[in-house]
Protein backbone atom coordinates (compact mmCIF):
# COMPACT_ATOMS: atom_id res chain seq x y z
CA UNK A 1 105.11 -48.14 53.98
CA UNK A 2 108.40 -47.50 55.55
CA UNK A 3 111.54 -49.22 56.73
CA UNK A 4 111.09 -50.47 60.31
CA UNK A 5 113.81 -50.03 62.75
CA UNK A 6 113.99 -50.52 66.45
CA UNK A 7 114.34 -46.68 67.05
CA UNK A 8 111.31 -46.04 64.69
CA UNK A 9 109.27 -48.60 66.65
CA UNK A 10 110.17 -47.19 70.02
CA UNK A 11 110.08 -43.39 69.31
CA UNK A 12 108.17 -42.62 66.04
CA UNK A 13 105.05 -44.64 66.50
CA UNK A 14 102.30 -43.06 68.35
CA UNK A 15 99.07 -44.96 69.40
CA UNK A 16 95.78 -43.68 67.76
CA UNK A 17 92.86 -42.29 69.86
CA UNK A 18 90.67 -45.17 68.25
CA UNK A 19 90.83 -47.82 65.82
CA UNK A 20 93.93 -49.47 64.63
CA UNK A 21 97.02 -48.33 62.66
CA UNK A 22 99.49 -50.44 60.73
CA UNK A 23 103.17 -49.79 59.94
CA UNK A 24 104.44 -52.10 57.37
CA UNK A 25 108.09 -52.81 56.73
CA UNK A 26 109.28 -52.20 53.09
CA UNK A 27 112.12 -54.80 53.36
CA UNK A 28 110.34 -57.80 54.79
CA UNK A 29 107.05 -58.43 52.93
CA UNK A 30 104.30 -59.17 55.57
CA UNK A 31 106.21 -57.87 58.72
CA UNK A 32 104.50 -54.92 60.29
CA UNK A 33 103.45 -53.24 63.64
CA UNK A 34 99.89 -53.13 64.62
CA UNK A 35 99.08 -50.20 67.06
CA UNK A 36 95.77 -49.74 69.01
CA UNK A 37 95.04 -47.37 71.71
CA UNK A 38 96.21 -49.72 74.28
CA UNK A 39 98.70 -52.04 72.74
CA UNK A 40 101.62 -52.20 70.11
CA UNK A 41 102.32 -55.49 68.61
CA UNK A 42 104.67 -57.14 65.78
CA UNK A 43 102.57 -59.06 63.43
CA UNK A 44 103.12 -61.10 60.21
CA UNK A 45 100.51 -60.78 57.27
CA UNK A 46 100.42 -62.86 54.22
CA UNK A 47 98.13 -64.74 51.73
CA UNK A 48 98.13 -68.37 52.70
CA UNK A 49 96.13 -71.06 50.95
CA UNK A 50 94.24 -68.56 49.22
CA UNK A 51 93.14 -66.60 52.20
CA UNK A 52 94.70 -63.52 54.07
CA UNK A 53 96.33 -64.62 57.42
CA UNK A 54 97.34 -62.33 60.17
CA UNK A 55 99.71 -63.81 62.80
CA UNK A 56 100.67 -61.99 65.90
CA UNK A 57 104.44 -62.55 66.76
CA UNK A 58 104.34 -60.72 70.05
CA UNK A 59 103.75 -57.38 71.86
CA UNK A 60 106.63 -54.81 71.22
CA UNK A 61 107.34 -54.41 75.00
CA UNK A 62 107.85 -58.31 75.49
CA UNK A 63 109.79 -59.28 72.38
CA UNK A 64 112.77 -57.45 70.76
CA UNK A 65 112.63 -55.93 67.32
CA UNK A 66 115.38 -58.19 65.90
CA UNK A 67 113.69 -61.44 67.18
CA UNK A 68 110.37 -60.36 65.53
CA UNK A 69 111.88 -59.50 62.37
CA UNK A 70 113.74 -62.77 62.29
CA UNK A 71 110.44 -64.60 63.14
CA UNK A 72 108.83 -62.94 60.31
CA UNK A 73 111.52 -63.95 57.85
CA UNK A 74 111.22 -67.64 59.01
CA UNK A 75 107.57 -67.40 58.26
CA UNK A 76 108.06 -66.03 54.96
CA UNK A 77 110.42 -68.82 54.30
CA UNK A 78 107.86 -71.41 55.21
CA UNK A 79 105.38 -70.12 52.75
CA UNK A 80 107.85 -70.19 50.07
CA UNK A 81 108.23 -73.92 50.82
CA UNK A 82 104.38 -74.43 50.70
CA UNK A 83 104.04 -74.73 54.39
CA UNK A 84 101.54 -72.95 56.77
CA UNK A 85 103.72 -70.53 58.80
CA UNK A 86 101.76 -71.15 61.99
CA UNK A 87 101.04 -74.90 61.80
CA UNK A 88 104.01 -76.11 59.46
CA UNK A 89 101.53 -78.23 57.52
CA UNK A 90 101.50 -78.41 53.78
CA UNK A 91 99.25 -75.65 52.28
CA UNK A 92 98.11 -77.39 49.21
CA UNK A 93 97.86 -80.87 47.88
CA UNK A 94 98.68 -80.14 44.39
CA UNK A 95 97.90 -83.74 43.09
CA UNK A 96 94.26 -82.88 43.86
CA UNK A 97 94.22 -79.35 42.00
CA UNK A 98 92.69 -79.60 38.64
CA UNK A 99 93.23 -77.17 35.70
CA UNK A 100 89.46 -76.15 36.09
CA UNK A 101 90.20 -75.35 39.92
CA UNK A 102 93.29 -73.39 38.93
CA UNK A 103 91.31 -71.37 36.32
CA UNK A 104 88.37 -70.66 38.80
CA UNK A 105 90.85 -69.42 41.47
CA UNK A 106 92.73 -67.34 39.05
CA UNK A 107 89.64 -65.45 37.80
CA UNK A 108 88.54 -64.97 41.41
CA UNK A 109 91.63 -63.29 42.63
CA UNK A 110 92.79 -61.57 39.45
CA UNK A 111 91.52 -58.17 38.79
CA UNK A 112 90.51 -58.73 35.03
CA UNK A 113 88.05 -57.04 32.79
CA UNK A 114 84.72 -58.93 32.06
CA UNK A 115 85.84 -59.39 28.36
CA UNK A 116 89.18 -60.66 29.44
CA UNK A 117 87.67 -63.12 31.79
CA UNK A 118 85.37 -64.26 29.12
CA UNK A 119 88.26 -64.89 26.76
CA UNK A 120 90.14 -66.96 29.29
CA UNK A 121 87.04 -69.11 29.95
CA UNK A 122 86.45 -69.48 26.18
CA UNK A 123 90.00 -70.34 25.33
CA UNK A 124 90.62 -73.01 27.96
CA UNK A 125 87.05 -74.57 27.29
CA UNK A 126 87.69 -74.76 23.66
CA UNK A 127 91.10 -75.88 23.41
CA UNK A 128 91.67 -77.67 26.71
CA UNK A 129 88.15 -79.07 27.47
CA UNK A 130 89.75 -82.58 27.78
CA UNK A 131 92.27 -81.20 30.40
CA UNK A 132 90.12 -79.32 32.66
CA UNK A 133 89.39 -82.00 35.21
CA UNK A 134 92.67 -83.77 35.38
CA UNK A 135 95.31 -82.74 37.99
CA UNK A 136 97.65 -80.12 36.80
CA UNK A 137 100.74 -82.15 37.81
CA UNK A 138 99.69 -84.67 35.23
CA UNK A 139 99.97 -82.13 32.41
CA UNK A 140 103.29 -83.04 30.80
CA UNK A 141 105.85 -81.18 28.65
CA UNK A 142 104.89 -83.51 25.71
CA UNK A 143 101.07 -82.87 26.14
CA UNK A 144 101.97 -79.04 25.95
CA UNK A 145 104.05 -79.33 22.87
CA UNK A 146 101.62 -81.56 21.00
CA UNK A 147 98.70 -79.45 21.78
CA UNK A 148 100.55 -76.28 20.69
CA UNK A 149 101.46 -77.99 17.41
CA UNK A 150 97.84 -79.14 16.99
CA UNK A 151 96.34 -75.71 17.44
CA UNK A 152 99.02 -74.39 14.85
CA UNK A 153 98.20 -76.84 11.97
CA UNK A 154 94.47 -76.82 12.58
CA UNK A 155 92.77 -74.12 10.39
CA UNK A 156 91.05 -71.27 12.27
CA UNK A 157 87.69 -69.84 11.27
CA UNK A 158 89.25 -67.88 8.44
CA UNK A 159 90.99 -71.11 7.04
CA UNK A 160 94.57 -69.87 7.94
CA UNK A 161 97.02 -71.52 10.34
CA UNK A 162 96.43 -70.75 14.03
CA UNK A 163 99.80 -69.21 15.04
CA UNK A 164 98.35 -66.52 17.06
CA UNK A 165 95.80 -68.96 18.51
CA UNK A 166 98.14 -71.44 19.63
CA UNK A 167 100.40 -68.87 21.20
CA UNK A 168 97.39 -67.13 23.04
CA UNK A 169 95.95 -70.43 24.26
CA UNK A 170 99.09 -71.80 25.72
CA UNK A 171 100.02 -68.50 27.36
CA UNK A 172 96.68 -68.45 29.29
CA UNK A 173 97.58 -72.00 30.60
CA UNK A 174 99.62 -72.38 33.78
CA UNK A 175 102.96 -70.52 33.48
CA UNK A 176 104.98 -73.02 35.19
CA UNK A 177 106.67 -76.24 33.65
CA UNK A 178 105.61 -77.85 31.28
CA UNK A 179 104.82 -74.64 29.38
CA UNK A 180 108.53 -73.42 29.76
CA UNK A 181 109.49 -76.25 27.22
CA UNK A 182 108.06 -73.94 24.25
CA UNK A 183 110.27 -71.16 25.50
CA UNK A 184 113.35 -73.26 25.76
CA UNK A 185 112.95 -74.96 22.47
CA UNK A 186 112.07 -71.63 20.88
CA UNK A 187 108.61 -73.02 19.77
CA UNK A 188 106.52 -69.84 20.23
CA UNK A 189 105.48 -68.36 16.88
CA UNK A 190 106.80 -64.95 16.01
CA UNK A 191 103.71 -62.80 15.50
CA UNK A 192 104.14 -59.70 13.49
CA UNK A 193 101.85 -56.71 13.80
CA UNK A 194 99.27 -56.78 10.98
CA UNK A 195 99.29 -54.11 8.38
CA UNK A 196 95.95 -54.44 6.79
CA UNK A 197 94.14 -51.40 5.61
CA UNK A 198 91.71 -50.45 2.81
CA UNK A 199 93.79 -48.48 0.24
CA UNK A 200 92.52 -45.13 -0.98
CA UNK A 201 91.72 -46.21 -4.46
CA UNK A 202 89.57 -49.26 -3.10
CA UNK A 203 87.36 -47.15 -0.67
CA UNK A 204 84.80 -46.34 -3.15
CA UNK A 205 84.17 -49.95 -4.01
CA UNK A 206 84.19 -50.88 -0.38
CA UNK A 207 81.62 -48.14 0.54
CA UNK A 208 79.32 -49.16 -2.53
CA UNK A 209 79.42 -52.79 -1.09
CA UNK A 210 78.74 -51.36 2.52
CA UNK A 211 75.77 -49.41 1.19
CA UNK A 212 74.24 -52.48 -0.49
CA UNK A 213 74.15 -54.47 2.78
CA UNK A 214 70.45 -55.07 3.64
CA UNK A 215 70.76 -53.86 7.33
CA UNK A 216 71.01 -50.27 8.08
CA UNK A 217 72.59 -51.07 11.46
CA UNK A 218 75.60 -52.87 9.83
CA UNK A 219 75.89 -50.21 7.12
CA UNK A 220 76.15 -47.40 9.75
CA UNK A 221 78.29 -49.41 12.02
CA UNK A 222 81.05 -50.03 9.59
CA UNK A 223 80.94 -46.35 8.32
CA UNK A 224 81.18 -45.21 11.92
CA UNK A 225 84.17 -47.35 12.54
CA UNK A 226 86.09 -45.95 9.46
CA UNK A 227 85.33 -42.39 10.33
CA UNK A 228 86.02 -42.59 13.94
CA UNK A 229 88.81 -45.15 14.16
CA UNK A 230 87.16 -46.65 17.15
CA UNK A 231 87.66 -50.37 18.24
CA UNK A 232 84.78 -52.43 17.17
CA UNK A 233 84.24 -54.02 20.56
CA UNK A 234 83.80 -50.74 22.17
CA UNK A 235 81.69 -49.21 19.46
CA UNK A 236 79.05 -52.12 19.65
CA UNK A 237 78.43 -51.13 23.28
CA UNK A 238 77.74 -47.54 22.61
CA UNK A 239 74.67 -46.02 24.33
CA UNK A 240 72.59 -42.79 23.36
CA UNK A 241 73.54 -41.57 26.87
CA UNK A 242 77.09 -41.49 25.68
CA UNK A 243 76.41 -38.91 23.03
CA UNK A 244 76.49 -35.22 23.79
CA UNK A 245 74.68 -33.74 20.86
CA UNK A 246 74.92 -30.16 22.14
CA UNK A 247 78.66 -30.07 22.33
CA UNK A 248 79.16 -32.62 19.61
CA UNK A 249 81.05 -35.01 21.72
CA UNK A 250 81.12 -38.86 22.19
CA UNK A 251 82.02 -39.72 25.70
CA UNK A 252 83.02 -43.42 26.04
CA UNK A 253 83.20 -44.43 29.68
CA UNK A 254 86.15 -46.22 30.84
CA UNK A 255 84.12 -49.42 31.78
CA UNK A 256 83.93 -50.26 27.98
CA UNK A 257 87.26 -49.00 26.81
CA UNK A 258 90.16 -51.51 26.34
CA UNK A 259 92.78 -49.12 28.13
CA UNK A 260 90.42 -48.52 31.08
CA UNK A 261 90.34 -44.78 30.45
CA UNK A 262 87.45 -42.44 29.45
CA UNK A 263 87.51 -41.56 25.85
CA UNK A 264 86.10 -38.07 24.80
CA UNK A 265 85.97 -38.09 21.02
CA UNK A 266 84.97 -34.76 19.20
CA UNK A 267 82.58 -35.54 16.33
CA UNK A 268 82.60 -34.17 12.83
CA UNK A 269 79.47 -32.56 11.47
CA UNK A 270 78.98 -35.59 9.16
CA UNK A 271 79.22 -37.96 12.16
CA UNK A 272 76.73 -35.91 14.18
CA UNK A 273 74.33 -36.12 11.31
CA UNK A 274 74.83 -39.76 11.06
CA UNK A 275 73.99 -40.35 14.70
CA UNK A 276 70.96 -37.97 14.40
CA UNK A 277 69.76 -40.34 11.53
CA UNK A 278 70.24 -43.19 13.82
CA UNK A 279 68.46 -41.54 16.63
CA UNK A 280 65.46 -40.78 14.23
CA UNK A 281 65.32 -44.33 13.18
CA UNK A 282 66.28 -45.95 16.50
CA UNK A 283 65.02 -49.55 17.18
CA UNK A 284 66.27 -49.55 20.77
CA UNK A 285 65.95 -46.91 23.42
CA UNK A 286 69.49 -47.45 24.65
CA UNK A 287 71.92 -48.93 22.03
CA UNK A 288 73.11 -46.95 19.17
CA UNK A 289 73.87 -50.04 17.18
CA UNK A 290 71.32 -52.62 18.45
CA UNK A 291 70.66 -56.24 17.49
CA UNK A 292 67.33 -57.07 16.17
CA UNK A 293 67.86 -60.79 16.53
CA UNK A 294 68.33 -60.42 20.37
CA UNK A 295 65.93 -57.56 21.12
CA UNK A 296 67.66 -56.34 24.35
CA UNK A 297 71.21 -56.64 23.25
CA UNK A 298 73.66 -54.56 21.13
CA UNK A 299 75.15 -55.64 17.86
CA UNK A 300 76.65 -59.15 18.06
CA UNK A 301 80.20 -60.13 17.10
CA UNK A 302 78.94 -61.92 13.92
CA UNK A 303 81.32 -61.70 11.12
CA UNK A 304 78.34 -61.89 8.74
CA UNK A 305 78.37 -58.29 7.82
CA UNK A 306 82.20 -58.45 7.04
CA UNK A 307 81.76 -61.56 4.82
CA UNK A 308 78.83 -59.75 2.93
CA UNK A 309 81.02 -56.85 2.08
CA UNK A 310 84.10 -58.94 1.25
CA UNK A 311 82.02 -60.92 -1.20
CA UNK A 312 80.31 -57.93 -2.78
CA UNK A 313 83.34 -55.73 -3.08
CA UNK A 314 86.12 -58.44 -3.53
CA UNK A 315 88.08 -56.64 -0.91
CA UNK A 316 89.57 -58.70 2.04
CA UNK A 317 89.26 -56.64 5.30
CA UNK A 318 88.79 -56.97 9.06
CA UNK A 319 86.82 -54.54 11.31
CA UNK A 320 90.14 -53.78 12.88
CA UNK A 321 91.55 -52.84 9.49
CA UNK A 322 89.24 -49.83 9.66
CA UNK A 323 90.92 -48.57 12.55
CA UNK A 324 94.20 -48.85 10.95
CA UNK A 325 92.69 -47.04 7.81
CA UNK A 326 91.77 -44.24 10.01
CA UNK A 327 95.26 -43.96 11.56
CA UNK A 328 96.82 -44.17 8.27
CA UNK A 329 94.55 -41.37 6.89
CA UNK A 330 95.36 -39.18 9.81
CA UNK A 331 99.10 -39.62 9.27
CA UNK A 332 98.70 -38.66 5.76
CA UNK A 333 97.05 -35.52 6.80
CA UNK A 334 99.96 -34.63 9.24
CA UNK A 335 97.84 -34.87 12.21
CA UNK A 336 100.23 -34.39 15.28
CA UNK A 337 101.34 -37.64 16.80
CA UNK A 338 99.92 -36.63 20.27
CA UNK A 339 96.65 -35.59 18.87
CA UNK A 340 96.34 -38.80 16.97
CA UNK A 341 96.94 -40.74 20.14
CA UNK A 342 94.26 -38.95 21.85
CA UNK A 343 91.65 -39.35 19.09
CA UNK A 344 92.14 -43.17 19.17
CA UNK A 345 92.51 -43.33 22.81
CA UNK A 346 96.10 -44.80 22.79
CA UNK A 347 97.97 -44.78 25.94
CA UNK A 348 100.58 -42.15 26.50
CA UNK A 349 101.50 -42.88 30.05
CA UNK A 350 105.18 -43.69 29.22
CA UNK A 351 105.85 -40.47 27.46
CA UNK A 352 106.65 -37.72 29.85
CA UNK A 353 106.29 -34.99 27.31
CA UNK A 354 102.64 -35.92 26.75
CA UNK A 355 101.78 -35.29 30.22
CA UNK A 356 102.48 -31.49 29.77
CA UNK A 357 100.23 -31.30 26.55
CA UNK A 358 96.67 -30.44 27.17
CA UNK A 359 94.40 -31.43 24.06
CA UNK A 360 90.72 -31.06 24.99
CA UNK A 361 88.09 -32.05 22.72
CA UNK A 362 87.71 -28.79 20.94
CA UNK A 363 91.27 -28.61 19.88
CA UNK A 364 90.92 -32.06 18.34
CA UNK A 365 87.75 -31.13 16.43
CA UNK A 366 89.30 -29.52 13.58
CA UNK A 367 91.59 -32.76 12.82
CA UNK A 368 88.29 -34.95 13.04
CA UNK A 369 86.78 -32.57 10.43
CA UNK A 370 89.71 -32.99 8.16
CA UNK A 371 89.91 -36.66 8.39
CA UNK A 372 86.20 -37.08 7.84
CA UNK A 373 86.25 -34.77 4.79
CA UNK A 374 89.16 -36.71 3.13
CA UNK A 375 87.28 -39.86 3.58
CA UNK A 376 84.16 -38.42 2.17
CA UNK A 377 85.92 -37.36 -0.89
CA UNK A 378 87.26 -40.73 -1.47
CA UNK A 379 84.06 -42.48 -0.68
CA UNK A 380 82.26 -40.11 -3.12
CA UNK A 381 79.66 -39.29 -0.49
CA UNK A 382 77.89 -36.21 -1.40
CA UNK A 383 76.95 -34.31 1.90
CA UNK A 384 74.51 -32.05 0.08
CA UNK A 385 72.21 -34.88 -0.54
CA UNK A 386 72.42 -36.27 3.01
CA UNK A 387 69.80 -34.00 4.67
CA UNK A 388 69.14 -35.34 8.06
CA UNK A 389 66.27 -34.73 10.24
CA UNK A 390 65.92 -31.57 12.44
CA UNK A 391 67.25 -31.20 15.98
CA UNK A 392 63.88 -32.16 17.26
CA UNK A 393 64.16 -35.48 15.41
CA UNK A 394 60.93 -35.08 13.64
CA UNK A 395 59.66 -38.06 11.74
CA UNK A 396 61.53 -37.94 8.27
CA UNK A 397 59.25 -37.93 5.24
CA UNK A 398 61.91 -39.09 2.76
CA UNK A 399 65.02 -41.27 2.70
CA UNK A 400 68.03 -39.99 4.63
CA UNK A 401 70.50 -42.71 3.61
CA UNK A 402 73.83 -41.40 2.53
CA UNK A 403 74.21 -41.36 -1.22
CA UNK A 404 77.13 -42.34 -3.38
CA UNK A 405 77.71 -40.22 -6.30
CA UNK A 406 77.64 -43.44 -8.43
CA UNK A 407 74.98 -45.40 -10.31
CA UNK A 408 73.64 -46.95 -7.34
CA UNK A 409 69.98 -47.47 -6.32
CA UNK A 410 68.54 -45.07 -4.09
CA UNK A 411 67.47 -46.27 -0.53
CA UNK A 412 63.94 -46.23 0.49
CA UNK A 413 62.84 -45.91 3.99
CA UNK A 414 61.61 -49.47 4.16
CA UNK A 415 65.13 -50.47 4.12
CA UNK A 416 65.56 -49.37 7.61
CA UNK A 417 63.31 -52.00 9.13
CA UNK A 418 66.32 -54.31 9.45
CA UNK A 419 66.02 -57.95 10.24
CA UNK A 420 68.31 -60.14 12.43
CA UNK A 421 71.98 -59.08 12.80
């Protein structure tokens, strides 16, 4: 893209030997010169009525540059008015456009991740199901304000006020009036970052409750979250193909990461042993943490495992609290900030200094070992008792469940025959 001028068009543009070439103006959106082996024309390109439209203004040898550019500006103005720049007719009859139609078109043209699209669909169907088939022009400011208040005072699934839910639901709605009333009247809820972690002195009780869970997938899943600091949504989707046992690295592909960036996480010796145990007792050829309720799926988003541990331990926590607990432990061990960001795959794109620091997986491994060992001490896990199977993954002849150095029951192999999760 460059700034088109009369001199540039007449002297700088050369015809290609085949095909076509476009020179687009950086000042007037949509204004361009289209060049083929035999012709050179001024054109206007823009998305009109949901479809890309290319309009030829005229050949460069038959119309002046200034005239063509003025014509492009006029067309741009027509689109801004809601008119077709070629016919002058109204592009849309907004009275006939429903909220469902706006949602479908938005999801069609917006490059969103699959989980994000699913959240949009879920939110609008759950909180605005009675609005989906009415014209968007009939959604008033009063309706928006009343619905925001209703979502605020209605208890969520945890029994607490739905401040975050109310904000998120309305922000996913159309971002023109009437939603702007919430901004003008300062009705948006101020959402403070959550600070939940599991304190050091409660980790032993938490792990005792985790180890008492009847399903081995849930037990290993929660322990894995604590010792890696990974997001639970990404961890559920891990496959055996993501584990490099030879180099001790977990390679999480960008397709399942929140930040759309590959995550190469070095694994501590304990975590490698934990995964070897899971491989030896695997119930599914692909998923590391499979669901036995839905045979071909990974672990579900069910909150059942969390509720079980909360009730058993008396400790209130969420799965994301385990990520915060990992980060807090790393900070207490003075893990360098840039190394910590890489361990949890946080973005550093706005930090120029970080672009000059190369931290490969091996340089991060020592930090992972220190973090894991600190947790093992607090959890009172005895690594000498956790003898896992060999590298050939032979059938174990005794329990390989991790053992707490407390008066807890030992785990028999039959406990690994988990039921629905």
